[in-house]
Amino acid sequence: MKSAKPLNLQSVYQAQHAIRDTALKTPLIRAESLSTNGYDVQLKLETLQPIGAFKLRGAANAIAQLSPAELARGVVCASTGNHGRALTYAAKKMGSQATICMSTLVPRNKVEAIRALGAQVEIFGNSQDDAQTVVDQLVAEKGLIEIPPFDHADIIAGQGTIGLELLADFAQIDSVIVGLSGGGLLGGIAMVLKTINPNIRVIGVSPKRGACMAACLAANRPVEITEEPTLADSLGGGIGLNNQYTFDLTKQYLDDLILLSEAQIARGMQHLFLHEGIVAEGGGAVGVAALIDQDIKQRLAPLLGKHIALIISGKNIDMAQFYDIVNPKTATPVTD
């Protein structure tokens, strides 16, 4: 195994410079419907990135580190959708070709959006681990450069730029609530926030279905679990048995982890749309879902403080499905 590339606060500042012409500094807006009883809840709108999700930050930073010769070889990754879209966008901007490997669980709208950007798409198996076997084959046979979705220093540093923006725009922040899957987003943000202010609390939220990081934390080591369909499809997938970064970052910095049912995720999507006018996919709405559940909010009360940031991480959901979930007159009940 190659030695892990150093990852620290300086890495994130360097990433901020590297991605400045590709990824946006996204707005932070107050959620009036959640800012009650003395709470000040701010939404970080990564939905406004050019590809509709935060993943562009990490992908743009990783692409920026490649040499001309590496760019000419082309890049490849396994993805649940948003990383593949981000990598394709960033690679195209740098004149490189992306190959994106996905399982059959990735929603069709995400697959077609990636194809529309010009990627070579490979669909294989029923999990991200299955898709990874195709990545490994393409790296070995064609010499493509792998840029994985989360467990990569440049990816984590890119996602960590959100933490720098939070501190710049919300200096009084007490806590942040972040969707948790492989841990690249949470790990990057948490490393920044807690390096600068260890008192800031970091709360992760995952779907109950296929909550791999939760299982890894319980086992105190990376483990494999069965991937399951979920409304929060962008939070699916394993973390890799040879995980180099994100398991340790999550273990070090996570203050609490919430697991949500499918019905709770749906309610978060509904609330965000009906009360704040924001379209978000399931994985992007999990922070809202946690805060509007009174039992969860009561459990988190000692950690939250009064100034809370929620990362609205993406909006890449099929709009027919979204309408079916959020329309209060016709919404199909979501079962767990």
C-alpha atoms as a PDB file:
ATOM      1  CA  MET A   1       0.000   0.000   0.000  1.00  0.00           C
ATOM      2  CA  LYS A   2       1.246   3.480  -0.815  1.00  0.00           C
ATOM      3  CA  SER A   3       1.960   5.721   2.137  1.00  0.00           C
ATOM      4  CA  ALA A   4      -0.795   8.198   2.859  1.00  0.00           C
ATOM      5  CA  LYS A   5      -0.310  11.738   1.589  1.00  0.00           C
ATOM      6  CA  PRO A   6      -0.169  14.301   4.419  1.00  0.00           C
ATOM      7  CA  LEU A   7      -3.489  15.998   5.174  1.00  0.00           C
ATOM      8  CA  ASN A   8      -3.728  19.083   7.362  1.00  0.00           C
ATOM      9  CA  LEU A   9      -5.132  22.611   7.531  1.00  0.00           C
ATOM     10  CA  GLN A  10      -2.556  23.859   5.052  1.00  0.00           C
ATOM     11  CA  SER A  11      -3.810  21.246   2.566  1.00  0.00           C
ATOM     12  CA  VAL A  12      -7.264  22.809   2.778  1.00  0.00           C
ATOM     13  CA  TYR A  13      -6.001  26.352   2.230  1.00  0.00           C
ATOM     14  CA  GLN A  14      -4.084  25.088  -0.794  1.00  0.00           C
ATOM     15  CA  ALA A  15      -7.242  23.400  -2.054  1.00  0.00           C
ATOM     16  CA  GLN A  16      -9.201  26.626  -1.652  1.00  0.00           C
ATOM     17  CA  HIS A  17      -6.750  28.279  -4.029  1.00  0.00           C
ATOM     18  CA  ALA A  18      -6.729  25.333  -6.458  1.00  0.00           C
ATOM     19  CA  ILE A  19     -10.521  25.153  -6.914  1.00  0.00           C
ATOM     20  CA  ARG A  20     -11.263  28.881  -7.051  1.00  0.00           C
ATOM     21  CA  ASP A  21     -12.042  28.880 -10.801  1.00  0.00           C
ATOM     22  CA  THR A  22     -14.110  25.663 -10.799  1.00  0.00           C
ATOM     23  CA  ALA A  23     -16.156  25.398  -7.582  1.00  0.00           C
ATOM     24  CA  LEU A  24     -18.253  28.173  -6.078  1.00  0.00           C
ATOM     25  CA  LYS A  25     -18.095  29.741  -2.636  1.00  0.00           C
ATOM     26  CA  THR A  26     -21.693  28.898  -1.776  1.00  0.00           C
ATOM     27  CA  PRO A  27     -24.074  31.066   0.246  1.00  0.00           C
ATOM     28  CA  LEU A  28     -25.030  30.517   3.854  1.00  0.00           C
ATOM     29  CA  ILE A  29     -28.663  31.453   4.494  1.00  0.00           C
ATOM     30  CA  ARG A  30     -30.750  31.542   7.657  1.00  0.00           C
ATOM     31  CA  ALA A  31     -33.515  28.928   7.854  1.00  0.00           C
ATOM     32  CA  GLU A  32     -36.339  30.889   9.445  1.00  0.00           C
ATOM     33  CA  SER A  33     -38.519  27.794   9.882  1.00  0.00           C
ATOM     34  CA  LEU A  34     -35.802  26.129  11.978  1.00  0.00           C
ATOM     35  CA  SER A  35     -34.561  29.241  13.802  1.00  0.00           C
ATOM     36  CA  THR A  36     -37.065  29.166  16.644  1.00  0.00           C
ATOM     37  CA  ASN A  37     -36.735  29.217  20.439  1.00  0.00           C
ATOM     38  CA  GLY A  38     -33.433  31.067  20.285  1.00  0.00           C
ATOM     39  CA  TYR A  39     -31.803  28.848  17.674  1.00  0.00           C
ATOM     40  CA  ASP A  40     -29.967  30.339  14.699  1.00  0.00           C
ATOM     41  CA  VAL A  41     -29.880  27.696  11.973  1.00  0.00           C
ATOM     42  CA  GLN A  42     -27.929  28.408   8.788  1.00  0.00           C
ATOM     43  CA  LEU A  43     -28.055  26.380   5.575  1.00  0.00           C
ATOM     44  CA  LYS A  44     -24.887  25.926   3.506  1.00  0.00           C
ATOM     45  CA  LEU A  45     -26.253  25.612  -0.029  1.00  0.00           C
ATOM     46  CA  GLU A  46     -23.941  23.230  -1.862  1.00  0.00           C
ATOM     47  CA  THR A  47     -26.916  22.618  -4.130  1.00  0.00           C
ATOM     48  CA  LEU A  48     -25.787  25.734  -6.008  1.00  0.00           C
ATOM     49  CA  GLN A  49     -22.520  24.219  -7.220  1.00  0.00           C
ATOM     50  CA  PRO A  50     -22.391  23.866 -11.033  1.00  0.00           C
ATOM     51  CA  ILE A  51     -23.004  20.116 -10.762  1.00  0.00           C
ATOM     52  CA  GLY A  52     -25.582  20.466  -7.983  1.00  0.00           C
ATOM     53  CA  ALA A  53     -23.519  19.007  -5.140  1.00  0.00           C
ATOM     54  CA  PHE A  54     -20.495  19.621  -2.894  1.00  0.00           C
ATOM     55  CA  LYS A  55     -18.491  16.873  -4.602  1.00  0.00           C
ATOM     56  CA  LEU A  56     -17.114  19.350  -7.130  1.00  0.00           C
ATOM     57  CA  ARG A  57     -14.805  20.794  -4.475  1.00  0.00           C
ATOM     58  CA  GLY A  58     -12.896  17.576  -3.911  1.00  0.00           C
ATOM     59  CA  ALA A  59     -12.897  16.505  -7.553  1.00  0.00           C
ATOM     60  CA  ALA A  60     -11.627  19.881  -8.737  1.00  0.00           C
ATOM     61  CA  ASN A  61      -8.820  19.826  -6.188  1.00  0.00           C
ATOM     62  CA  ALA A  62      -7.757  16.283  -7.076  1.00  0.00           C
ATOM     63  CA  ILE A  63      -7.774  17.039 -10.818  1.00  0.00           C
ATOM     64  CA  ALA A  64      -5.742  20.191 -10.207  1.00  0.00           C
ATOM     65  CA  GLN A  65      -2.919  18.098  -8.719  1.00  0.00           C
ATOM     66  CA  LEU A  66      -2.450  15.924 -11.837  1.00  0.00           C
ATOM     67  CA  SER A  67       0.365  16.401 -14.309  1.00  0.00           C
ATOM     68  CA  PRO A  68      -0.324  16.919 -18.043  1.00  0.00           C
ATOM     69  CA  ALA A  69       0.757  13.318 -18.654  1.00  0.00           C
ATOM     70  CA  GLU A  70      -1.676  12.011 -16.040  1.00  0.00           C
ATOM     71  CA  LEU A  71      -4.512  14.118 -17.431  1.00  0.00           C
ATOM     72  CA  ALA A  72      -3.809  12.674 -20.874  1.00  0.00           C
ATOM     73  CA  ARG A  73      -4.213   9.125 -19.538  1.00  0.00           C
ATOM     74  CA  GLY A  74      -7.714   9.890 -18.247  1.00  0.00           C
ATOM     75  CA  VAL A  75      -9.317   9.511 -14.820  1.00  0.00           C
ATOM     76  CA  VAL A  76     -11.642   6.913 -13.338  1.00  0.00           C
ATOM     77  CA  CYS A  77     -13.687   6.429 -10.193  1.00  0.00           C
ATOM     78  CA  ALA A  78     -16.434   4.417  -8.564  1.00  0.00           C
ATOM     79  CA  SER A  79     -19.382   6.594  -7.601  1.00  0.00           C
ATOM     80  CA  THR A  80     -22.906   6.662  -6.243  1.00  0.00           C
ATOM     81  CA  GLY A  81     -23.531   9.540  -8.666  1.00  0.00           C
ATOM     82  CA  ASN A  82     -22.432  12.940  -7.452  1.00  0.00           C
ATOM     83  CA  HIS A  83     -18.687  12.278  -7.345  1.00  0.00           C
ATOM     84  CA  GLY A  84     -18.863  10.872 -10.853  1.00  0.00           C
ATOM     85  CA  ARG A  85     -20.643  13.959 -12.073  1.00  0.00           C
ATOM     86  CA  ALA A  86     -18.137  16.211 -10.324  1.00  0.00           C
ATOM     87  CA  LEU A  87     -15.125  14.333 -11.634  1.00  0.00           C
ATOM     88  CA  THR A  88     -16.467  14.387 -15.180  1.00  0.00           C
ATOM     89  CA  TYR A  89     -17.087  18.139 -14.983  1.00  0.00           C
ATOM     90  CA  ALA A  90     -13.660  18.907 -13.517  1.00  0.00           C
ATOM     91  CA  ALA A  91     -11.830  16.558 -15.897  1.00  0.00           C
ATOM     92  CA  LYS A  92     -13.556  18.040 -18.936  1.00  0.00           C
ATOM     93  CA  LYS A  93     -12.578  21.526 -17.827  1.00  0.00           C
ATOM     94  CA  MET A  94      -8.925  20.376 -17.707  1.00  0.00           C
ATOM     95  CA  GLY A  95      -9.104  18.561 -21.063  1.00  0.00           C
ATOM     96  CA  SER A  96      -9.151  15.039 -19.604  1.00  0.00           C
ATOM     97  CA  GLN A  97     -11.536  12.119 -20.138  1.00  0.00           C
ATOM     98  CA  ALA A  98     -13.431  10.592 -17.222  1.00  0.00           C
ATOM     99  CA  THR A  99     -14.674   7.024 -16.880  1.00  0.00           C
ATOM    100  CA  ILE A 100     -17.285   6.586 -14.161  1.00  0.00           C
ATOM    101  CA  CYS A 101     -18.108   3.144 -12.724  1.00  0.00           C
ATOM    102  CA  MET A 102     -21.429   2.743 -10.918  1.00  0.00           C
ATOM    103  CA  SER A 103     -23.668  -0.020  -9.638  1.00  0.00           C
ATOM    104  CA  THR A 104     -27.261  -0.680 -10.581  1.00  0.00           C
ATOM    105  CA  LEU A 105     -28.359   1.126  -7.384  1.00  0.00           C
ATOM    106  CA  VAL A 106     -27.370   4.543  -8.782  1.00  0.00           C
ATOM    107  CA  PRO A 107     -30.528   6.419  -9.893  1.00  0.00           C
ATOM    108  CA  ARG A 108     -30.982   6.716 -13.650  1.00  0.00           C
ATOM    109  CA  ASN A 109     -31.132  10.526 -13.570  1.00  0.00           C
ATOM    110  CA  LYS A 110     -27.626  10.631 -12.065  1.00  0.00           C
ATOM    111  CA  VAL A 111     -26.278   8.157 -14.619  1.00  0.00           C
ATOM    112  CA  GLU A 112     -27.738  10.113 -17.534  1.00  0.00           C
ATOM    113  CA  ALA A 113     -26.431  13.430 -16.191  1.00  0.00           C
ATOM    114  CA  ILE A 114     -22.929  11.954 -16.090  1.00  0.00           C
ATOM    115  CA  ARG A 115     -23.250  10.640 -19.641  1.00  0.00           C
ATOM    116  CA  ALA A 116     -24.484  14.056 -20.789  1.00  0.00           C
ATOM    117  CA  LEU A 117     -21.262  15.636 -19.524  1.00  0.00           C
ATOM    118  CA  GLY A 118     -19.251  13.294 -21.756  1.00  0.00           C
ATOM    119  CA  ALA A 119     -18.076  10.543 -19.411  1.00  0.00           C
ATOM    120  CA  GLN A 120     -17.543   6.936 -20.368  1.00  0.00           C
ATOM    121  CA  VAL A 121     -19.994   5.099 -18.102  1.00  0.00           C
ATOM    122  CA  GLU A 122     -19.649   1.544 -16.797  1.00  0.00           C
ATOM    123  CA  ILE A 123     -22.505  -0.079 -14.843  1.00  0.00           C
ATOM    124  CA  PHE A 124     -21.681  -3.232 -12.900  1.00  0.00           C
ATOM    125  CA  GLY A 125     -23.008  -5.089  -9.874  1.00  0.00           C
ATOM    126  CA  ASN A 126     -25.219  -4.149  -6.966  1.00  0.00           C
ATOM    127  CA  SER A 127     -22.874  -2.097  -4.805  1.00  0.00           C
ATOM    128  CA  GLN A 128     -20.137   0.498  -4.956  1.00  0.00           C
ATOM    129  CA  ASP A 129     -17.690  -2.271  -4.024  1.00  0.00           C
ATOM    130  CA  ASP A 130     -18.768  -4.126  -7.178  1.00  0.00           C
ATOM    131  CA  ALA A 131     -18.227  -0.976  -9.249  1.00  0.00           C
ATOM    132  CA  GLN A 132     -14.781  -0.626  -7.673  1.00  0.00           C
ATOM    133  CA  THR A 133     -13.704  -3.925  -9.231  1.00  0.00           C
ATOM    134  CA  VAL A 134     -14.207  -2.349 -12.670  1.00  0.00           C
ATOM    135  CA  VAL A 135     -12.140   0.663 -11.580  1.00  0.00           C
ATOM    136  CA  ASP A 136      -9.318  -1.639 -10.493  1.00  0.00           C
ATOM    137  CA  GLN A 137      -9.437  -3.425 -13.844  1.00  0.00           C
ATOM    138  CA  LEU A 138      -9.321  -0.186 -15.847  1.00  0.00           C
ATOM    139  CA  VAL A 139      -6.409   1.140 -13.804  1.00  0.00           C
ATOM    140  CA  ALA A 140      -4.465  -2.091 -14.373  1.00  0.00           C
ATOM    141  CA  GLU A 141      -5.301  -2.558 -18.057  1.00  0.00           C
ATOM    142  CA  LYS A 142      -5.548   1.005 -19.382  1.00  0.00           C
ATOM    143  CA  GLY A 143      -3.443   3.010 -16.963  1.00  0.00           C
ATOM    144  CA  LEU A 144      -6.275   5.348 -15.953  1.00  0.00           C
ATOM    145  CA  ILE A 145      -5.706   7.549 -12.904  1.00  0.00           C
ATOM    146  CA  GLU A 146      -8.069   6.651 -10.074  1.00  0.00           C
ATOM    147  CA  ILE A 147      -9.631   9.500  -8.110  1.00  0.00           C
ATOM    148  CA  PRO A 148     -11.783   7.843  -5.435  1.00  0.00           C
ATOM    149  CA  PRO A 149     -14.901   9.502  -4.035  1.00  0.00           C
ATOM    150  CA  PHE A 150     -13.808  10.130  -0.431  1.00  0.00           C
ATOM    151  CA  ASP A 151     -10.729   8.322   0.928  1.00  0.00           C
ATOM    152  CA  HIS A 152      -8.158  10.543  -0.784  1.00  0.00           C
ATOM    153  CA  ALA A 153      -6.206  13.453   0.689  1.00  0.00           C
ATOM    154  CA  ASP A 154      -6.960  15.875  -2.145  1.00  0.00           C
ATOM    155  CA  ILE A 155     -10.658  15.004  -2.094  1.00  0.00           C
ATOM    156  CA  ILE A 156     -10.915  15.515   1.668  1.00  0.00           C
ATOM    157  CA  ALA A 157      -8.989  18.794   1.482  1.00  0.00           C
ATOM    158  CA  GLY A 158     -11.356  20.033  -1.224  1.00  0.00           C
ATOM    159  CA  GLN A 159     -14.433  19.195   0.846  1.00  0.00           C
ATOM    160  CA  GLY A 160     -12.749  20.846   3.829  1.00  0.00           C
ATOM    161  CA  THR A 161     -12.974  24.222   2.094  1.00  0.00           C
ATOM    162  CA  ILE A 162     -16.593  24.251   3.251  1.00  0.00           C
ATOM    163  CA  GLY A 163     -15.239  24.471   6.794  1.00  0.00           C
ATOM    164  CA  LEU A 164     -13.168  27.538   5.922  1.00  0.00           C
ATOM    165  CA  GLU A 165     -16.234  29.218   4.432  1.00  0.00           C
ATOM    166  CA  LEU A 166     -18.355  28.393   7.474  1.00  0.00           C
ATOM    167  CA  LEU A 167     -15.834  30.040   9.795  1.00  0.00           C
ATOM    168  CA  ALA A 168     -15.610  33.099   7.544  1.00  0.00           C
ATOM    169  CA  ASP A 169     -19.392  33.559   7.240  1.00  0.00           C
ATOM    170  CA  PHE A 170     -20.621  32.199  10.594  1.00  0.00           C
ATOM    171  CA  ALA A 171     -17.919  32.976  13.161  1.00  0.00           C
ATOM    172  CA  GLN A 172     -20.239  32.220  16.087  1.00  0.00           C
ATOM    173  CA  ILE A 173     -20.927  28.632  14.899  1.00  0.00           C
ATOM    174  CA  ASP A 174     -21.475  26.142  17.736  1.00  0.00           C
ATOM    175  CA  SER A 175     -22.197  22.992  15.750  1.00  0.00           C
ATOM    176  CA  VAL A 176     -22.469  21.580  12.248  1.00  0.00           C
ATOM    177  CA  ILE A 177     -24.680  18.735  11.029  1.00  0.00           C
ATOM    178  CA  VAL A 178     -23.286  16.807   8.059  1.00  0.00           C
ATOM    179  CA  GLY A 179     -24.456  13.831   6.020  1.00  0.00           C
ATOM    180  CA  LEU A 180     -22.121  10.886   6.656  1.00  0.00           C
ATOM    181  CA  SER A 181     -21.285   8.124   4.204  1.00  0.00           C
ATOM    182  CA  GLY A 182     -17.655   7.476   3.320  1.00  0.00           C
ATOM    183  CA  GLY A 183     -16.591  10.386   5.515  1.00  0.00           C
ATOM    184  CA  GLY A 184     -14.837  12.671   3.038  1.00  0.00           C
ATOM    185  CA  LEU A 185     -17.227  15.568   3.592  1.00  0.00           C
ATOM    186  CA  LEU A 186     -17.543  15.224   7.356  1.00  0.00           C
ATOM    187  CA  GLY A 187     -13.852  14.467   7.802  1.00  0.00           C
ATOM    188  CA  GLY A 188     -12.726  17.490   5.810  1.00  0.00           C
ATOM    189  CA  ILE A 189     -15.106  19.928   7.451  1.00  0.00           C
ATOM    190  CA  ALA A 190     -14.477  18.549  10.952  1.00  0.00           C
ATOM    191  CA  MET A 191     -10.702  18.673  10.585  1.00  0.00           C
ATOM    192  CA  VAL A 192     -10.882  22.370   9.689  1.00  0.00           C
ATOM    193  CA  LEU A 193     -13.415  23.392  12.324  1.00  0.00           C
ATOM    194  CA  LYS A 194     -11.907  21.476  15.220  1.00  0.00           C
ATOM    195  CA  THR A 195      -8.316  22.399  14.357  1.00  0.00           C
ATOM    196  CA  ILE A 196      -9.303  26.057  14.603  1.00  0.00           C
ATOM    197  CA  ASN A 197     -11.877  25.701  17.395  1.00  0.00           C
ATOM    198  CA  PRO A 198     -12.055  22.315  19.186  1.00  0.00           C
ATOM    199  CA  ASN A 199     -15.298  23.366  20.895  1.00  0.00           C
ATOM    200  CA  ILE A 200     -17.339  23.225  17.676  1.00  0.00           C
ATOM    201  CA  ARG A 201     -19.459  20.070  17.670  1.00  0.00           C
ATOM    202  CA  VAL A 202     -19.706  17.827  14.597  1.00  0.00           C
ATOM    203  CA  ILE A 203     -22.806  15.672  14.182  1.00  0.00           C
ATOM    204  CA  GLY A 204     -23.087  13.093  11.415  1.00  0.00           C
ATOM    205  CA  VAL A 205     -26.352  11.826   9.921  1.00  0.00           C
ATOM    206  CA  SER A 206     -26.754   8.621   7.921  1.00  0.00           C
ATOM    207  CA  PRO A 207     -29.668   6.552   6.658  1.00  0.00           C
ATOM    208  CA  LYS A 208     -30.372   3.433   8.714  1.00  0.00           C
ATOM    209  CA  ARG A 209     -30.275   1.463   5.480  1.00  0.00           C
ATOM    210  CA  GLY A 210     -26.689   0.553   4.651  1.00  0.00           C
ATOM    211  CA  ALA A 211     -25.092   2.714   7.360  1.00  0.00           C
ATOM    212  CA  CYS A 212     -21.566   1.492   6.758  1.00  0.00           C
ATOM    213  CA  MET A 213     -19.627   4.084   8.768  1.00  0.00           C
ATOM    214  CA  ALA A 214     -21.874   3.429  11.782  1.00  0.00           C
ATOM    215  CA  ALA A 215     -21.055  -0.277  11.533  1.00  0.00           C
ATOM    216  CA  CYS A 216     -17.345   0.497  11.197  1.00  0.00           C
ATOM    217  CA  LEU A 217     -17.370   2.747  14.258  1.00  0.00           C
ATOM    218  CA  ALA A 218     -19.195   0.081  16.248  1.00  0.00           C
ATOM    219  CA  ALA A 219     -16.599  -2.517  15.204  1.00  0.00           C
ATOM    220  CA  ASN A 220     -13.723  -0.045  15.679  1.00  0.00           C
ATOM    221  CA  ARG A 221     -12.406  -0.960  12.220  1.00  0.00           C
ATOM    222  CA  PRO A 222     -13.514  -0.803   8.578  1.00  0.00           C
ATOM    223  CA  VAL A 223     -16.037  -3.533   7.774  1.00  0.00           C
ATOM    224  CA  GLU A 224     -18.203  -4.484   4.819  1.00  0.00           C
ATOM    225  CA  ILE A 225     -21.983  -4.372   4.953  1.00  0.00           C
ATOM    226  CA  THR A 226     -24.731  -4.984   2.417  1.00  0.00           C
ATOM    227  CA  GLU A 227     -25.694  -1.892   0.445  1.00  0.00           C
ATOM    228  CA  GLU A 228     -29.429  -1.127   0.456  1.00  0.00           C
ATOM    229  CA  PRO A 229     -31.627   1.209  -1.588  1.00  0.00           C
ATOM    230  CA  THR A 230     -32.395   4.463   0.256  1.00  0.00           C
ATOM    231  CA  LEU A 231     -33.817   7.907  -0.440  1.00  0.00           C
ATOM    232  CA  ALA A 232     -30.389   9.153   0.652  1.00  0.00           C
ATOM    233  CA  ASP A 233     -28.696   7.269  -2.194  1.00  0.00           C
ATOM    234  CA  SER A 234     -25.714   9.634  -2.195  1.00  0.00           C
ATOM    235  CA  LEU A 235     -24.926   8.375   1.327  1.00  0.00           C
ATOM    236  CA  GLY A 236     -24.688   4.740   0.203  1.00  0.00           C
ATOM    237  CA  GLY A 237     -21.617   2.573  -0.240  1.00  0.00           C
ATOM    238  CA  GLY A 238     -18.844   1.179   1.913  1.00  0.00           C
ATOM    239  CA  ILE A 239     -15.698   2.886   3.180  1.00  0.00           C
ATOM    240  CA  GLY A 240     -13.162   0.312   1.958  1.00  0.00           C
ATOM    241  CA  LEU A 241     -11.370  -2.240   4.111  1.00  0.00           C
ATOM    242  CA  ASN A 242      -8.051  -0.499   3.406  1.00  0.00           C
ATOM    243  CA  ASN A 243      -9.359   2.932   4.366  1.00  0.00           C
ATOM    244  CA  GLN A 244      -6.459   5.348   4.915  1.00  0.00           C
ATOM    245  CA  TYR A 245      -8.085   8.605   6.012  1.00  0.00           C
ATOM    246  CA  THR A 246     -11.797   8.931   6.568  1.00  0.00           C
ATOM    247  CA  PHE A 247     -12.385   6.236   9.191  1.00  0.00           C
ATOM    248  CA  ASP A 248      -9.742   7.744  11.470  1.00  0.00           C
ATOM    249  CA  LEU A 249     -10.939  11.297  10.808  1.00  0.00           C
ATOM    250  CA  THR A 250     -14.516  10.332  11.629  1.00  0.00           C
ATOM    251  CA  LYS A 251     -13.488   8.449  14.755  1.00  0.00           C
ATOM    252  CA  GLN A 252     -11.393  11.411  15.915  1.00  0.00           C
ATOM    253  CA  TYR A 253     -13.789  14.262  15.252  1.00  0.00           C
ATOM    254  CA  LEU A 254     -17.368  12.928  15.305  1.00  0.00           C
ATOM    255  CA  ASP A 255     -19.342  13.980  18.387  1.00  0.00           C
ATOM    256  CA  ASP A 256     -22.557  12.074  17.621  1.00  0.00           C
ATOM    257  CA  LEU A 257     -24.100  10.029  14.829  1.00  0.00           C
ATOM    258  CA  ILE A 258     -27.804   9.956  13.992  1.00  0.00           C
ATOM    259  CA  LEU A 259     -29.400   7.193  11.911  1.00  0.00           C
ATOM    260  CA  LEU A 260     -32.598   8.086  10.060  1.00  0.00           C
ATOM    261  CA  SER A 261     -35.488   6.024   8.758  1.00  0.00           C
ATOM    262  CA  GLU A 262     -36.699   6.503   5.194  1.00  0.00           C
ATOM    263  CA  ALA A 263     -39.809   8.293   6.459  1.00  0.00           C
ATOM    264  CA  GLN A 264     -37.673  10.733   8.440  1.00  0.00           C
ATOM    265  CA  ILE A 265     -35.525  11.469   5.371  1.00  0.00           C
ATOM    266  CA  ALA A 266     -38.667  12.123   3.324  1.00  0.00           C
ATOM    267  CA  ARG A 267     -39.958  14.528   5.957  1.00  0.00           C
ATOM    268  CA  GLY A 268     -36.670  16.409   5.826  1.00  0.00           C
ATOM    269  CA  MET A 269     -36.989  16.813   2.051  1.00  0.00           C
ATOM    270  CA  GLN A 270     -40.576  17.957   2.442  1.00  0.00           C
ATOM    271  CA  HIS A 271     -39.746  20.507   5.129  1.00  0.00           C
ATOM    272  CA  LEU A 272     -36.834  21.970   3.220  1.00  0.00           C
ATOM    273  CA  PHE A 273     -38.970  22.456   0.121  1.00  0.00           C
ATOM    274  CA  LEU A 274     -42.253  23.550   1.663  1.00  0.00           C
ATOM    275  CA  HIS A 275     -40.804  25.867   4.338  1.00  0.00           C
ATOM    276  CA  GLU A 276     -37.537  27.085   2.780  1.00  0.00           C
ATOM    277  CA  GLY A 277     -38.200  26.650  -0.958  1.00  0.00           C
ATOM    278  CA  ILE A 278     -35.109  24.471  -1.471  1.00  0.00           C
ATOM    279  CA  VAL A 279     -34.887  21.346  -3.600  1.00  0.00           C
ATOM    280  CA  ALA A 280     -32.566  18.761  -2.059  1.00  0.00           C
ATOM    281  CA  GLU A 281     -31.979  15.080  -2.631  1.00  0.00           C
ATOM    282  CA  GLY A 282     -32.366  12.761   0.342  1.00  0.00           C
ATOM    283  CA  GLY A 283     -28.699  12.902   1.335  1.00  0.00           C
ATOM    284  CA  GLY A 284     -28.814  16.692   1.228  1.00  0.00           C
ATOM    285  CA  ALA A 285     -31.810  16.925   3.549  1.00  0.00           C
ATOM    286  CA  VAL A 286     -30.704  14.625   6.371  1.00  0.00           C
ATOM    287  CA  GLY A 287     -29.579  17.484   8.624  1.00  0.00           C
ATOM    288  CA  VAL A 288     -32.997  19.096   8.377  1.00  0.00           C
ATOM    289  CA  ALA A 289     -34.621  15.712   8.967  1.00  0.00           C
ATOM    290  CA  ALA A 290     -32.670  15.350  12.203  1.00  0.00           C
ATOM    291  CA  LEU A 291     -33.541  18.829  13.496  1.00  0.00           C
ATOM    292  CA  ILE A 292     -37.287  18.593  12.851  1.00  0.00           C
ATOM    293  CA  ASP A 293     -37.550  15.315  14.771  1.00  0.00           C
ATOM    294  CA  GLN A 294     -38.169  16.370  18.347  1.00  0.00           C
ATOM    295  CA  ASP A 295     -36.739  13.197  19.911  1.00  0.00           C
ATOM    296  CA  ILE A 296     -33.510  13.582  17.967  1.00  0.00           C
ATOM    297  CA  LYS A 297     -33.317  17.294  18.691  1.00  0.00           C
ATOM    298  CA  GLN A 298     -33.752  16.632  22.401  1.00  0.00           C
ATOM    299  CA  ARG A 299     -30.979  14.017  22.311  1.00  0.00           C
ATOM    300  CA  LEU A 300     -28.669  16.455  20.513  1.00  0.00           C
ATOM    301  CA  ALA A 301     -29.519  19.471  22.677  1.00  0.00           C
ATOM    302  CA  PRO A 302     -26.326  19.280  24.813  1.00  0.00           C
ATOM    303  CA  LEU A 303     -24.214  19.414  21.616  1.00  0.00           C
ATOM    304  CA  LEU A 304     -26.068  21.831  19.369  1.00  0.00           C
ATOM    305  CA  GLY A 305     -25.551  25.184  21.037  1.00  0.00           C
ATOM    306  CA  LYS A 306     -27.596  28.006  19.539  1.00  0.00           C
ATOM    307  CA  HIS A 307     -25.725  28.612  16.262  1.00  0.00           C
ATOM    308  CA  ILE A 308     -26.091  25.586  13.992  1.00  0.00           C
ATOM    309  CA  ALA A 309     -24.959  25.021  10.405  1.00  0.00           C
ATOM    310  CA  LEU A 310     -26.546  22.378   8.172  1.00  0.00           C
ATOM    311  CA  ILE A 311     -24.775  21.229   5.013  1.00  0.00           C
ATOM    312  CA  ILE A 312     -27.360  20.961   2.217  1.00  0.00           C
ATOM    313  CA  SER A 313     -25.042  18.791   0.188  1.00  0.00           C
ATOM    314  CA  GLY A 314     -26.858  18.191  -3.097  1.00  0.00           C
ATOM    315  CA  LYS A 315     -30.015  18.437  -5.191  1.00  0.00           C
ATOM    316  CA  ASN A 316     -29.530  15.748  -7.832  1.00  0.00           C
ATOM    317  CA  ILE A 317     -32.772  13.833  -7.516  1.00  0.00           C
ATOM    318  CA  ASP A 318     -35.161  12.787 -10.254  1.00  0.00           C
ATOM    319  CA  MET A 319     -37.754  15.566 -10.192  1.00  0.00           C
ATOM    320  CA  ALA A 320     -40.717  13.253 -10.710  1.00  0.00           C
ATOM    321  CA  GLN A 321     -39.642  11.299  -7.643  1.00  0.00           C
ATOM    322  CA  PHE A 322     -39.039  14.523  -5.751  1.00  0.00           C
ATOM    323  CA  TYR A 323     -42.514  15.839  -6.581  1.00  0.00           C
ATOM    324  CA  ASP A 324     -44.044  12.566  -5.443  1.00  0.00           C
ATOM    325  CA  ILE A 325     -42.238  12.886  -2.090  1.00  0.00           C
ATOM    326  CA  VAL A 326     -42.845  16.557  -1.300  1.00  0.00           C
ATOM    327  CA  ASN A 327     -46.338  17.264  -2.672  1.00  0.00           C
ATOM    328  CA  PRO A 328     -48.522  17.228   0.456  1.00  0.00           C
ATOM    329  CA  LYS A 329     -51.652  16.374  -1.554  1.00  0.00           C
ATOM    330  CA  THR A 330     -50.322  13.417  -3.506  1.00  0.00           C
ATOM    331  CA  ALA A 331     -47.216  12.289  -1.606  1.00  0.00           C
ATOM    332  CA  THR A 332     -46.845   8.518  -1.515  1.00  0.00           C
ATOM    333  CA  PRO A 333     -46.214   7.341   2.054  1.00  0.00           C
ATOM    334  CA  VAL A 334     -42.584   6.300   2.526  1.00  0.00           C
ATOM    335  CA  THR A 335     -42.085   3.070   4.437  1.00  0.00           C
ATOM    336  CA  ASP A 336     -38.957   2.151   6.381  1.00  0.00           C
END
